[in-house]
Amino acid sequence: MVPRTESDLAHFFATDLLRELKVLEKIRLSVLARVKTMLAIAAGVLAMCMAVDFLLDLGGRLGVISAFICLAAGSCGYKVITREYVGQFKVRVIRRIIKFIDPGLTYLANGHVSRERFHSSRIFQRYPDRLQGDDLVSGRIGQTDIEFSEVHAQYRTEATDSNGRKKKRYHTIFKGLFFTAGFNKRFCGKTVVLPDTAERLFGGIGSLFQSLNKSRGELVKLENPEFERYFVVYGDDQIESRYVLSTSLVQRILDFRKKTGREVRFSFDGSEAFVAVRYRRSLFEPRVFGKITGFKGIREYFADLQLALGIVEDLDLNTRIWAAHGAPQKVGRMTNPLVP
């Protein structure tokens, strides 16, 4: 795979993408007009209901109910109105950017990492009762098979209200980019690397809490003070976990955390590596309330994709530990020019 630079992207934008974006901009303006009409109708209905509530002295009950209904209807209406536009944008823009980066990659706009694969990483202990996502990218970088997508995993709780009715509520386990890849070492157990919030908040007592968390496995201490400040490690086997987390990989994880500036989690299982990067915003979604013909938005999509694909390079996954003649061998290295 040939590394792509920002100047390559600018040329691709001017000669290929801009034409598509101009067509999609006309669609966006039509969609935006329909969204504004829907919002105006919802606001009118809400105002009328609140006026009736005030005149009949209903204590705000009608206003609250109507606000809830308008919000739910508006959310559903927005998805219906924008669905076709979003679908066309992903096919005509996001897919083209991915193919521009590497023609061998496969993209499914409505696909996502499976719930079973997400749970098997053991990064998150709760099994997701509901997992949604999109923008599934899969393929091979060098000798490393990869797969990633945006994921929103949730667990469900049930409570009984005063009328004896059961109500279900969903709570977020994780929302962001979930990445899986073949790992260059093979082991029997699992090693999990998590943000060390306990020790940062509570110091030595936090370390005690970590050691008591037996559901995660054994607490693994590494001889890197900076790493210990930011991460806590659990593994099925102390020796194996320390071998997985070599000095070079520990430093690469630290560098990756600094580069993303986000909460990141890792796990290593047998011959697979899993990475979870938390995002608050949705990835690879087109604007509805702003122009889409500028280069800035395309650069952001490109940078997000390069961040994900660059994990292979960041964690040095293309180094074949068990190469011929016992010497490490590197293949298909990939750079990430847009993410410093």
C-alpha atoms as a PDB file:
ATOM      1  CA  MET A   1       0.000   0.000   0.000  1.00  0.00           C
ATOM      2  CA  VAL A   2       1.318   3.427  -1.021  1.00  0.00           C
ATOM      3  CA  PRO A   3       1.164   5.979   1.849  1.00  0.00           C
ATOM      4  CA  ARG A   4      -1.068   8.974   1.093  1.00  0.00           C
ATOM      5  CA  THR A   5      -0.095  12.525   2.026  1.00  0.00           C
ATOM      6  CA  GLU A   6      -2.160  15.666   2.509  1.00  0.00           C
ATOM      7  CA  SER A   7      -1.060  16.950  -0.906  1.00  0.00           C
ATOM      8  CA  ASP A   8      -2.269  13.671  -2.449  1.00  0.00           C
ATOM      9  CA  LEU A   9      -5.605  14.165  -0.723  1.00  0.00           C
ATOM     10  CA  ALA A  10      -5.867  17.778  -1.922  1.00  0.00           C
ATOM     11  CA  HIS A  11      -5.300  16.664  -5.515  1.00  0.00           C
ATOM     12  CA  PHE A  12      -7.839  13.850  -5.154  1.00  0.00           C
ATOM     13  CA  PHE A  13     -10.313  16.328  -3.667  1.00  0.00           C
ATOM     14  CA  ALA A  14      -9.924  18.797  -6.546  1.00  0.00           C
ATOM     15  CA  THR A  15      -9.983  16.268  -9.379  1.00  0.00           C
ATOM     16  CA  ASP A  16     -12.515  13.719  -8.101  1.00  0.00           C
ATOM     17  CA  LEU A  17     -14.368  14.386  -4.847  1.00  0.00           C
ATOM     18  CA  LEU A  18     -15.358  18.007  -5.449  1.00  0.00           C
ATOM     19  CA  ARG A  19     -17.528  17.018  -8.398  1.00  0.00           C
ATOM     20  CA  GLU A  20     -19.422  14.510  -6.238  1.00  0.00           C
ATOM     21  CA  LEU A  21     -19.688  16.967  -3.350  1.00  0.00           C
ATOM     22  CA  LYS A  22     -21.304  19.606  -5.556  1.00  0.00           C
ATOM     23  CA  VAL A  23     -24.009  17.133  -6.558  1.00  0.00           C
ATOM     24  CA  LEU A  24     -24.529  16.109  -2.930  1.00  0.00           C
ATOM     25  CA  GLU A  25     -24.636  19.771  -1.836  1.00  0.00           C
ATOM     26  CA  LYS A  26     -27.788  20.273  -3.919  1.00  0.00           C
ATOM     27  CA  ILE A  27     -29.332  17.221  -2.254  1.00  0.00           C
ATOM     28  CA  ARG A  28     -28.304  18.560   1.150  1.00  0.00           C
ATOM     29  CA  LEU A  29     -30.025  21.898   0.535  1.00  0.00           C
ATOM     30  CA  SER A  30     -33.234  20.098  -0.433  1.00  0.00           C
ATOM     31  CA  VAL A  31     -33.011  17.902   2.682  1.00  0.00           C
ATOM     32  CA  LEU A  32     -32.273  20.943   4.863  1.00  0.00           C
ATOM     33  CA  ALA A  33     -35.394  22.720   3.583  1.00  0.00           C
ATOM     34  CA  ARG A  34     -37.523  19.699   4.539  1.00  0.00           C
ATOM     35  CA  VAL A  35     -35.879  19.497   7.979  1.00  0.00           C
ATOM     36  CA  LYS A  36     -36.574  23.202   8.606  1.00  0.00           C
ATOM     37  CA  THR A  37     -40.209  22.750   7.588  1.00  0.00           C
ATOM     38  CA  MET A  38     -40.553  19.810   9.977  1.00  0.00           C
ATOM     39  CA  LEU A  39     -38.971  21.834  12.807  1.00  0.00           C
ATOM     40  CA  ALA A  40     -41.293  24.790  12.137  1.00  0.00           C
ATOM     41  CA  ILE A  41     -44.363  22.537  12.273  1.00  0.00           C
ATOM     42  CA  ALA A  42     -43.130  20.887  15.502  1.00  0.00           C
ATOM     43  CA  ALA A  43     -42.473  24.298  17.078  1.00  0.00           C
ATOM     44  CA  GLY A  44     -45.950  25.488  16.076  1.00  0.00           C
ATOM     45  CA  VAL A  45     -47.643  22.416  17.543  1.00  0.00           C
ATOM     46  CA  LEU A  46     -45.629  22.741  20.760  1.00  0.00           C
ATOM     47  CA  ALA A  47     -46.481  26.452  21.089  1.00  0.00           C
ATOM     48  CA  MET A  48     -50.170  25.746  20.573  1.00  0.00           C
ATOM     49  CA  CYS A  49     -50.170  22.967  23.178  1.00  0.00           C
ATOM     50  CA  MET A  50     -48.397  25.172  25.701  1.00  0.00           C
ATOM     51  CA  ALA A  51     -50.927  27.945  25.075  1.00  0.00           C
ATOM     52  CA  VAL A  52     -53.821  25.529  25.656  1.00  0.00           C
ATOM     53  CA  ASP A  53     -52.088  24.245  28.783  1.00  0.00           C
ATOM     54  CA  PHE A  54     -51.801  27.818  30.104  1.00  0.00           C
ATOM     55  CA  LEU A  55     -55.419  28.770  29.258  1.00  0.00           C
ATOM     56  CA  LEU A  56     -56.861  25.629  30.853  1.00  0.00           C
ATOM     57  CA  ASP A  57     -54.454  25.853  33.827  1.00  0.00           C
ATOM     58  CA  LEU A  58     -53.270  22.257  33.430  1.00  0.00           C
ATOM     59  CA  GLY A  59     -50.096  22.840  35.439  1.00  0.00           C
ATOM     60  CA  GLY A  60     -47.740  22.253  32.488  1.00  0.00           C
ATOM     61  CA  ARG A  61     -48.743  18.612  31.980  1.00  0.00           C
ATOM     62  CA  LEU A  62     -49.893  19.099  28.396  1.00  0.00           C
ATOM     63  CA  GLY A  63     -46.774  21.126  27.608  1.00  0.00           C
ATOM     64  CA  VAL A  64     -44.447  18.413  28.923  1.00  0.00           C
ATOM     65  CA  ILE A  65     -46.299  15.632  27.098  1.00  0.00           C
ATOM     66  CA  SER A  66     -46.398  17.571  23.828  1.00  0.00           C
ATOM     67  CA  ALA A  67     -42.692  18.454  24.126  1.00  0.00           C
ATOM     68  CA  PHE A  68     -41.834  14.776  24.586  1.00  0.00           C
ATOM     69  CA  ILE A  69     -43.981  13.765  21.592  1.00  0.00           C
ATOM     70  CA  CYS A  70     -42.534  16.516  19.382  1.00  0.00           C
ATOM     71  CA  LEU A  71     -38.989  15.532  20.346  1.00  0.00           C
ATOM     72  CA  ALA A  72     -39.567  11.840  19.588  1.00  0.00           C
ATOM     73  CA  ALA A  73     -41.405  12.582  16.341  1.00  0.00           C
ATOM     74  CA  GLY A  74     -38.749  15.094  15.306  1.00  0.00           C
ATOM     75  CA  SER A  75     -35.947  12.609  15.908  1.00  0.00           C
ATOM     76  CA  CYS A  76     -37.677   9.918  13.836  1.00  0.00           C
ATOM     77  CA  GLY A  77     -38.602  12.426  11.149  1.00  0.00           C
ATOM     78  CA  TYR A  78     -35.035  13.709  10.911  1.00  0.00           C
ATOM     79  CA  LYS A  79     -33.702  10.186  10.366  1.00  0.00           C
ATOM     80  CA  VAL A  80     -36.290   9.481   7.664  1.00  0.00           C
ATOM     81  CA  ILE A  81     -35.676  12.761   5.838  1.00  0.00           C
ATOM     82  CA  THR A  82     -31.852  12.470   5.899  1.00  0.00           C
ATOM     83  CA  ARG A  83     -31.523   8.700   5.349  1.00  0.00           C
ATOM     84  CA  GLU A  84     -31.123   8.743   1.567  1.00  0.00           C
ATOM     85  CA  TYR A  85     -28.744  11.726   1.636  1.00  0.00           C
ATOM     86  CA  VAL A  86     -26.536  10.087   4.275  1.00  0.00           C
ATOM     87  CA  GLY A  87     -26.495   6.819   2.315  1.00  0.00           C
ATOM     88  CA  GLN A  88     -25.489   8.537  -0.912  1.00  0.00           C
ATOM     89  CA  PHE A  89     -22.770  10.528   0.866  1.00  0.00           C
ATOM     90  CA  LYS A  90     -21.197   7.406   2.306  1.00  0.00           C
ATOM     91  CA  VAL A  91     -21.213   5.579  -1.019  1.00  0.00           C
ATOM     92  CA  ARG A  92     -20.030   8.523  -3.122  1.00  0.00           C
ATOM     93  CA  VAL A  93     -17.567  10.106  -0.676  1.00  0.00           C
ATOM     94  CA  ILE A  94     -16.503   7.907   2.274  1.00  0.00           C
ATOM     95  CA  ARG A  95     -16.088   4.784   0.133  1.00  0.00           C
ATOM     96  CA  ARG A  96     -14.047   6.749  -2.404  1.00  0.00           C
ATOM     97  CA  ILE A  97     -11.745   8.093   0.322  1.00  0.00           C
ATOM     98  CA  ILE A  98     -11.192   4.561   1.635  1.00  0.00           C
ATOM     99  CA  LYS A  99     -10.403   3.245  -1.844  1.00  0.00           C
ATOM    100  CA  PHE A 100      -8.097   6.212  -2.357  1.00  0.00           C
ATOM    101  CA  ILE A 101      -6.185   5.226   0.790  1.00  0.00           C
ATOM    102  CA  ASP A 102      -6.055   1.525  -0.140  1.00  0.00           C
ATOM    103  CA  PRO A 103      -8.006  -0.055  -3.052  1.00  0.00           C
ATOM    104  CA  GLY A 104      -7.841  -3.435  -1.326  1.00  0.00           C
ATOM    105  CA  LEU A 105      -9.991  -2.385   1.623  1.00  0.00           C
ATOM    106  CA  THR A 106     -13.693  -3.284   1.807  1.00  0.00           C
ATOM    107  CA  TYR A 107     -16.306  -0.824   3.082  1.00  0.00           C
ATOM    108  CA  LEU A 108     -19.856  -1.532   4.256  1.00  0.00           C
ATOM    109  CA  ALA A 109     -21.708   1.653   5.219  1.00  0.00           C
ATOM    110  CA  ASN A 110     -24.316  -0.218   7.277  1.00  0.00           C
ATOM    111  CA  GLY A 111     -21.997  -2.905   8.676  1.00  0.00           C
ATOM    112  CA  HIS A 112     -20.264  -3.009  12.052  1.00  0.00           C
ATOM    113  CA  VAL A 113     -18.102  -5.217  14.260  1.00  0.00           C
ATOM    114  CA  SER A 114     -20.271  -8.018  15.653  1.00  0.00           C
ATOM    115  CA  ARG A 115     -21.545  -8.042  19.229  1.00  0.00           C
ATOM    116  CA  GLU A 116     -19.790 -11.352  19.895  1.00  0.00           C
ATOM    117  CA  ARG A 117     -16.458 -10.049  18.626  1.00  0.00           C
ATOM    118  CA  PHE A 118     -16.835  -6.880  20.664  1.00  0.00           C
ATOM    119  CA  HIS A 119     -17.517  -8.859  23.837  1.00  0.00           C
ATOM    120  CA  SER A 120     -14.768 -11.421  23.195  1.00  0.00           C
ATOM    121  CA  SER A 121     -12.148  -8.657  23.506  1.00  0.00           C
ATOM    122  CA  ARG A 122     -12.879  -8.546  27.258  1.00  0.00           C
ATOM    123  CA  ILE A 123     -12.124  -4.826  27.216  1.00  0.00           C
ATOM    124  CA  PHE A 124     -15.609  -4.281  28.631  1.00  0.00           C
ATOM    125  CA  GLN A 125     -17.005  -6.753  31.142  1.00  0.00           C
ATOM    126  CA  ARG A 126     -20.697  -6.143  30.512  1.00  0.00           C
ATOM    127  CA  TYR A 127     -22.252  -8.086  27.646  1.00  0.00           C
ATOM    128  CA  PRO A 128     -23.993  -5.584  25.336  1.00  0.00           C
ATOM    129  CA  ASP A 129     -27.743  -6.182  25.169  1.00  0.00           C
ATOM    130  CA  ARG A 130     -27.801  -3.868  22.181  1.00  0.00           C
ATOM    131  CA  LEU A 131     -24.974  -3.015  19.783  1.00  0.00           C
ATOM    132  CA  GLN A 132     -25.375  -0.616  16.898  1.00  0.00           C
ATOM    133  CA  GLY A 133     -22.821   0.761  14.497  1.00  0.00           C
ATOM    134  CA  ASP A 134     -21.866   1.530  10.935  1.00  0.00           C
ATOM    135  CA  ASP A 135     -18.949   2.186   8.579  1.00  0.00           C
ATOM    136  CA  LEU A 136     -17.320  -1.246   8.693  1.00  0.00           C
ATOM    137  CA  VAL A 137     -13.872  -1.326   7.066  1.00  0.00           C
ATOM    138  CA  SER A 138     -12.000  -4.598   6.613  1.00  0.00           C
ATOM    139  CA  GLY A 139      -9.026  -5.905   4.689  1.00  0.00           C
ATOM    140  CA  ARG A 140      -5.305  -6.382   5.056  1.00  0.00           C
ATOM    141  CA  ILE A 141      -2.494  -3.937   5.806  1.00  0.00           C
ATOM    142  CA  GLY A 142       0.784  -5.615   4.947  1.00  0.00           C
ATOM    143  CA  GLN A 143       0.401  -9.081   6.505  1.00  0.00           C
ATOM    144  CA  THR A 144      -2.119  -7.959   9.118  1.00  0.00           C
ATOM    145  CA  ASP A 145      -5.865  -8.610   8.756  1.00  0.00           C
ATOM    146  CA  ILE A 146      -7.874  -5.709  10.167  1.00  0.00           C
ATOM    147  CA  GLU A 147     -11.494  -4.796  10.825  1.00  0.00           C
ATOM    148  CA  PHE A 148     -12.969  -1.708  12.436  1.00  0.00           C
ATOM    149  CA  SER A 149     -16.190   0.251  12.666  1.00  0.00           C
ATOM    150  CA  GLU A 150     -18.007   2.806  14.712  1.00  0.00           C
ATOM    151  CA  VAL A 151     -19.797   1.063  17.585  1.00  0.00           C
ATOM    152  CA  HIS A 152     -22.378   2.048  20.190  1.00  0.00           C
ATOM    153  CA  ALA A 153     -22.715  -0.753  22.769  1.00  0.00           C
ATOM    154  CA  GLN A 154     -25.375  -0.593  25.496  1.00  0.00           C
ATOM    155  CA  TYR A 155     -26.640  -2.707  28.382  1.00  0.00           C
ATOM    156  CA  ARG A 156     -30.267  -2.863  29.548  1.00  0.00           C
ATOM    157  CA  THR A 157     -31.796  -2.421  32.990  1.00  0.00           C
ATOM    158  CA  GLU A 158     -35.411  -2.939  34.001  1.00  0.00           C
ATOM    159  CA  ALA A 159     -37.343  -1.166  36.721  1.00  0.00           C
ATOM    160  CA  THR A 160     -40.938  -1.362  37.868  1.00  0.00           C
ATOM    161  CA  ASP A 161     -42.850   1.912  38.086  1.00  0.00           C
ATOM    162  CA  SER A 162     -45.558   2.836  40.613  1.00  0.00           C
ATOM    163  CA  ASN A 163     -48.215   1.215  38.394  1.00  0.00           C
ATOM    164  CA  GLY A 164     -46.403  -2.098  38.335  1.00  0.00           C
ATOM    165  CA  ARG A 165     -45.248  -1.727  34.730  1.00  0.00           C
ATOM    166  CA  LYS A 166     -41.735  -2.745  33.771  1.00  0.00           C
ATOM    167  CA  LYS A 167     -39.679  -0.099  32.032  1.00  0.00           C
ATOM    168  CA  LYS A 168     -36.480  -0.795  30.101  1.00  0.00           C
ATOM    169  CA  ARG A 169     -33.585   1.636  30.020  1.00  0.00           C
ATOM    170  CA  TYR A 170     -30.399   1.418  27.978  1.00  0.00           C
ATOM    171  CA  HIS A 171     -27.024   2.652  29.228  1.00  0.00           C
ATOM    172  CA  THR A 172     -23.890   3.209  27.166  1.00  0.00           C
ATOM    173  CA  ILE A 173     -20.982   0.823  27.641  1.00  0.00           C
ATOM    174  CA  PHE A 174     -18.901   2.290  24.844  1.00  0.00           C
ATOM    175  CA  LYS A 175     -19.300   4.654  21.910  1.00  0.00           C
ATOM    176  CA  GLY A 176     -16.491   5.172  19.459  1.00  0.00           C
ATOM    177  CA  LEU A 177     -14.118   3.368  17.124  1.00  0.00           C
ATOM    178  CA  PHE A 178     -13.593  -0.349  17.733  1.00  0.00           C
ATOM    179  CA  PHE A 179     -10.623  -1.934  15.957  1.00  0.00           C
ATOM    180  CA  THR A 180      -9.489  -5.559  15.664  1.00  0.00           C
ATOM    181  CA  ALA A 181      -6.360  -6.956  14.024  1.00  0.00           C
ATOM    182  CA  GLY A 182      -4.187 -10.019  13.850  1.00  0.00           C
ATOM    183  CA  PHE A 183      -1.432  -9.818  16.472  1.00  0.00           C
ATOM    184  CA  ASN A 184       2.169 -10.758  15.808  1.00  0.00           C
ATOM    185  CA  LYS A 185       2.528 -12.963  18.890  1.00  0.00           C
ATOM    186  CA  ARG A 186       0.396 -15.920  19.939  1.00  0.00           C
ATOM    187  CA  PHE A 187      -0.432 -16.778  23.547  1.00  0.00           C
ATOM    188  CA  CYS A 188      -2.900 -18.812  25.559  1.00  0.00           C
ATOM    189  CA  GLY A 189      -4.325 -16.089  27.806  1.00  0.00           C
ATOM    190  CA  LYS A 190      -5.616 -12.537  27.544  1.00  0.00           C
ATOM    191  CA  THR A 191      -4.006  -9.254  28.516  1.00  0.00           C
ATOM    192  CA  VAL A 192      -6.143  -6.131  28.965  1.00  0.00           C
ATOM    193  CA  VAL A 193      -4.847  -2.543  29.115  1.00  0.00           C
ATOM    194  CA  LEU A 194      -7.306  -0.023  30.596  1.00  0.00           C
ATOM    195  CA  PRO A 195      -7.211   3.656  31.612  1.00  0.00           C
ATOM    196  CA  ASP A 196      -5.891   3.884  35.174  1.00  0.00           C
ATOM    197  CA  THR A 197      -8.529   6.202  36.670  1.00  0.00           C
ATOM    198  CA  ALA A 198      -8.361   4.637  40.138  1.00  0.00           C
ATOM    199  CA  GLU A 199      -4.684   5.315  40.792  1.00  0.00           C
ATOM    200  CA  ARG A 200      -4.863   8.817  39.309  1.00  0.00           C
ATOM    201  CA  LEU A 201      -7.778   9.657  41.618  1.00  0.00           C
ATOM    202  CA  PHE A 202      -6.808   7.779  44.785  1.00  0.00           C
ATOM    203  CA  GLY A 203      -3.060   7.111  44.536  1.00  0.00           C
ATOM    204  CA  GLY A 204      -1.844   4.059  46.472  1.00  0.00           C
ATOM    205  CA  ILE A 205      -5.368   3.192  47.659  1.00  0.00           C
ATOM    206  CA  GLY A 206      -6.420   3.103  44.016  1.00  0.00           C
ATOM    207  CA  SER A 207      -3.686   0.552  43.360  1.00  0.00           C
ATOM    208  CA  LEU A 208      -5.122  -1.559  46.188  1.00  0.00           C
ATOM    209  CA  PHE A 209      -8.594  -1.397  44.599  1.00  0.00           C
ATOM    210  CA  GLN A 210      -7.074  -2.549  41.300  1.00  0.00           C
ATOM    211  CA  SER A 211      -5.470  -5.593  42.901  1.00  0.00           C
ATOM    212  CA  LEU A 212      -8.816  -6.578  44.440  1.00  0.00           C
ATOM    213  CA  ASN A 213     -10.533  -6.603  41.024  1.00  0.00           C
ATOM    214  CA  LYS A 214     -10.172 -10.360  40.552  1.00  0.00           C
ATOM    215  CA  SER A 215     -12.840 -10.522  37.827  1.00  0.00           C
ATOM    216  CA  ARG A 216     -10.297  -8.997  35.442  1.00  0.00           C
ATOM    217  CA  GLY A 217      -7.554 -11.488  36.227  1.00  0.00           C
ATOM    218  CA  GLU A 218      -4.202 -10.756  37.852  1.00  0.00           C
ATOM    219  CA  LEU A 219      -3.001  -7.179  38.249  1.00  0.00           C
ATOM    220  CA  VAL A 220       0.187  -6.835  36.201  1.00  0.00           C
ATOM    221  CA  LYS A 221       2.770  -4.204  37.190  1.00  0.00           C
ATOM    222  CA  LEU A 222       5.256  -2.993  34.573  1.00  0.00           C
ATOM    223  CA  GLU A 223       8.528  -1.163  35.033  1.00  0.00           C
ATOM    224  CA  ASN A 224       7.490   2.024  33.251  1.00  0.00           C
ATOM    225  CA  PRO A 225       6.327   4.833  35.602  1.00  0.00           C
ATOM    226  CA  GLU A 226       4.709   6.880  32.824  1.00  0.00           C
ATOM    227  CA  PHE A 227       2.750   3.878  31.574  1.00  0.00           C
ATOM    228  CA  GLU A 228       1.659   3.028  35.135  1.00  0.00           C
ATOM    229  CA  ARG A 229       0.342   6.587  35.534  1.00  0.00           C
ATOM    230  CA  TYR A 230      -2.031   6.259  32.611  1.00  0.00           C
ATOM    231  CA  PHE A 231      -2.864   2.563  32.355  1.00  0.00           C
ATOM    232  CA  VAL A 232      -3.646  -0.473  34.463  1.00  0.00           C
ATOM    233  CA  VAL A 233      -2.976  -3.983  33.131  1.00  0.00           C
ATOM    234  CA  TYR A 234      -4.775  -7.240  33.914  1.00  0.00           C
ATOM    235  CA  GLY A 235      -3.825 -10.634  32.568  1.00  0.00           C
ATOM    236  CA  ASP A 236      -4.491 -14.343  32.882  1.00  0.00           C
ATOM    237  CA  ASP A 237      -0.775 -14.961  33.396  1.00  0.00           C
ATOM    238  CA  GLN A 238       1.834 -12.533  34.788  1.00  0.00           C
ATOM    239  CA  ILE A 239       4.751 -13.827  32.721  1.00  0.00           C
ATOM    240  CA  GLU A 240       2.759 -14.020  29.521  1.00  0.00           C
ATOM    241  CA  SER A 241       1.335 -10.486  29.943  1.00  0.00           C
ATOM    242  CA  ARG A 242       4.812  -9.042  30.467  1.00  0.00           C
ATOM    243  CA  TYR A 243       5.988 -10.816  27.334  1.00  0.00           C
ATOM    244  CA  VAL A 244       3.041  -9.453  25.339  1.00  0.00           C
ATOM    245  CA  LEU A 245       3.699  -5.947  26.631  1.00  0.00           C
ATOM    246  CA  SER A 246       7.291  -5.642  25.558  1.00  0.00           C
ATOM    247  CA  THR A 247       9.194  -2.430  26.274  1.00  0.00           C
ATOM    248  CA  SER A 248       8.672  -1.249  22.693  1.00  0.00           C
ATOM    249  CA  LEU A 249       4.917  -2.016  22.689  1.00  0.00           C
ATOM    250  CA  VAL A 250       4.447  -0.209  26.015  1.00  0.00           C
ATOM    251  CA  GLN A 251       6.052   2.896  24.512  1.00  0.00           C
ATOM    252  CA  ARG A 252       3.947   2.573  21.360  1.00  0.00           C
ATOM    253  CA  ILE A 253       0.757   2.437  23.438  1.00  0.00           C
ATOM    254  CA  LEU A 254       1.849   5.578  25.294  1.00  0.00           C
ATOM    255  CA  ASP A 255       2.611   7.338  22.002  1.00  0.00           C
ATOM    256  CA  PHE A 256      -0.757   6.287  20.575  1.00  0.00           C
ATOM    257  CA  ARG A 257      -2.564   7.684  23.620  1.00  0.00           C
ATOM    258  CA  LYS A 258      -0.752  11.011  23.237  1.00  0.00           C
ATOM    259  CA  LYS A 259      -1.475  11.140  19.516  1.00  0.00           C
ATOM    260  CA  THR A 260      -5.202  10.515  19.832  1.00  0.00           C
ATOM    261  CA  GLY A 261      -5.759  12.637  22.942  1.00  0.00           C
ATOM    262  CA  ARG A 262      -8.658  10.285  23.716  1.00  0.00           C
ATOM    263  CA  GLU A 263      -9.515   7.503  26.130  1.00  0.00           C
ATOM    264  CA  VAL A 264      -8.048   4.321  24.646  1.00  0.00           C
ATOM    265  CA  ARG A 265      -8.246   0.687  25.738  1.00  0.00           C
ATOM    266  CA  PHE A 266      -6.455  -2.402  24.463  1.00  0.00           C
ATOM    267  CA  SER A 267      -6.600  -6.159  24.785  1.00  0.00           C
ATOM    268  CA  PHE A 268      -4.424  -8.924  23.389  1.00  0.00           C
ATOM    269  CA  ASP A 269      -5.906 -12.389  23.037  1.00  0.00           C
ATOM    270  CA  GLY A 270      -3.983 -15.252  21.506  1.00  0.00           C
ATOM    271  CA  SER A 271      -3.277 -13.944  18.024  1.00  0.00           C
ATOM    272  CA  GLU A 272      -5.567 -10.895  18.027  1.00  0.00           C
ATOM    273  CA  ALA A 273      -5.304  -7.292  19.194  1.00  0.00           C
ATOM    274  CA  PHE A 274      -8.331  -5.129  20.052  1.00  0.00           C
ATOM    275  CA  VAL A 275      -8.356  -1.348  20.393  1.00  0.00           C
ATOM    276  CA  ALA A 276     -11.259   0.837  21.575  1.00  0.00           C
ATOM    277  CA  VAL A 277     -11.001   4.611  21.012  1.00  0.00           C
ATOM    278  CA  ARG A 278     -13.799   6.590  22.647  1.00  0.00           C
ATOM    279  CA  TYR A 279     -15.479   9.334  20.592  1.00  0.00           C
ATOM    280  CA  ARG A 280     -18.341  11.615  21.577  1.00  0.00           C
ATOM    281  CA  ARG A 281     -19.111  12.627  17.992  1.00  0.00           C
ATOM    282  CA  SER A 282     -20.299  10.335  15.227  1.00  0.00           C
ATOM    283  CA  LEU A 283     -17.676   9.442  12.647  1.00  0.00           C
ATOM    284  CA  PHE A 284     -17.989   9.678   8.858  1.00  0.00           C
ATOM    285  CA  GLU A 285     -21.402  11.369   8.965  1.00  0.00           C
ATOM    286  CA  PRO A 286     -22.181  14.198   6.488  1.00  0.00           C
ATOM    287  CA  ARG A 287     -23.269  17.652   7.542  1.00  0.00           C
ATOM    288  CA  VAL A 288     -26.891  18.667   7.138  1.00  0.00           C
ATOM    289  CA  PHE A 289     -26.744  22.204   8.570  1.00  0.00           C
ATOM    290  CA  GLY A 290     -23.492  23.274   6.890  1.00  0.00           C
ATOM    291  CA  LYS A 291     -21.858  23.231   3.445  1.00  0.00           C
ATOM    292  CA  ILE A 292     -20.038  20.050   2.487  1.00  0.00           C
ATOM    293  CA  THR A 293     -17.978  21.300  -0.463  1.00  0.00           C
ATOM    294  CA  GLY A 294     -14.985  22.473   1.603  1.00  0.00           C
ATOM    295  CA  PHE A 295     -11.708  20.580   1.966  1.00  0.00           C
ATOM    296  CA  LYS A 296     -11.686  20.808   5.780  1.00  0.00           C
ATOM    297  CA  GLY A 297     -14.437  18.212   6.249  1.00  0.00           C
ATOM    298  CA  ILE A 298     -12.782  15.773   3.827  1.00  0.00           C
ATOM    299  CA  ARG A 299      -9.495  16.182   5.661  1.00  0.00           C
ATOM    300  CA  GLU A 300     -11.227  15.269   8.937  1.00  0.00           C
ATOM    301  CA  TYR A 301     -12.738  12.072   7.472  1.00  0.00           C
ATOM    302  CA  PHE A 302      -9.318  11.197   6.053  1.00  0.00           C
ATOM    303  CA  ALA A 303      -7.568  11.819   9.374  1.00  0.00           C
ATOM    304  CA  ASP A 304     -10.088   9.619  11.263  1.00  0.00           C
ATOM    305  CA  LEU A 305      -9.560   6.800   8.753  1.00  0.00           C
ATOM    306  CA  GLN A 306      -5.787   7.195   8.922  1.00  0.00           C
ATOM    307  CA  LEU A 307      -5.950   7.063  12.707  1.00  0.00           C
ATOM    308  CA  ALA A 308      -7.700   3.692  12.542  1.00  0.00           C
ATOM    309  CA  LEU A 309      -5.563   2.238   9.759  1.00  0.00           C
ATOM    310  CA  GLY A 310      -2.425   3.644  11.374  1.00  0.00           C
ATOM    311  CA  ILE A 311      -2.940   1.406  14.425  1.00  0.00           C
ATOM    312  CA  VAL A 312      -1.148  -1.339  12.483  1.00  0.00           C
ATOM    313  CA  GLU A 313       1.930   0.884  12.274  1.00  0.00           C
ATOM    314  CA  ASP A 314       1.476   2.435  15.721  1.00  0.00           C
ATOM    315  CA  LEU A 315       1.503  -0.973  17.424  1.00  0.00           C
ATOM    316  CA  ASP A 316       4.013  -2.435  14.949  1.00  0.00           C
ATOM    317  CA  LEU A 317       1.643  -5.288  14.101  1.00  0.00           C
ATOM    318  CA  ASN A 318       3.406  -6.076  10.831  1.00  0.00           C
ATOM    319  CA  THR A 319       6.532  -7.262  12.629  1.00  0.00           C
ATOM    320  CA  ARG A 320       6.443 -11.039  12.288  1.00  0.00           C
ATOM    321  CA  ILE A 321       7.950 -12.272  15.558  1.00  0.00           C
ATOM    322  CA  TRP A 322       8.252 -15.842  14.322  1.00  0.00           C
ATOM    323  CA  ALA A 323       9.766 -15.003  10.917  1.00  0.00           C
ATOM    324  CA  ALA A 324      12.079 -17.330   9.043  1.00  0.00           C
ATOM    325  CA  HIS A 325      15.517 -17.950  10.602  1.00  0.00           C
ATOM    326  CA  GLY A 326      14.259 -16.454  13.893  1.00  0.00           C
ATOM    327  CA  ALA A 327      14.748 -12.820  12.812  1.00  0.00           C
ATOM    328  CA  PRO A 328      11.972 -10.214  13.094  1.00  0.00           C
ATOM    329  CA  GLN A 329      10.674  -9.172   9.696  1.00  0.00           C
ATOM    330  CA  LYS A 330       8.694  -6.025   8.831  1.00  0.00           C
ATOM    331  CA  VAL A 331       6.334  -5.856   5.873  1.00  0.00           C
ATOM    332  CA  GLY A 332       3.958  -3.366   4.315  1.00  0.00           C
ATOM    333  CA  ARG A 333       4.671  -0.472   6.688  1.00  0.00           C
ATOM    334  CA  MET A 334       2.104   2.289   6.683  1.00  0.00           C
ATOM    335  CA  THR A 335       2.472   5.942   7.632  1.00  0.00           C
ATOM    336  CA  ASN A 336      -0.051   8.304   9.096  1.00  0.00           C
ATOM    337  CA  PRO A 337       0.854  11.793   7.787  1.00  0.00           C
ATOM    338  CA  LEU A 338      -2.176  13.720   8.946  1.00  0.00           C
ATOM    339  CA  VAL A 339      -2.154  12.697  12.603  1.00  0.00           C
ATOM    340  CA  PRO A 340       0.978  13.978  14.350  1.00  0.00           C
END
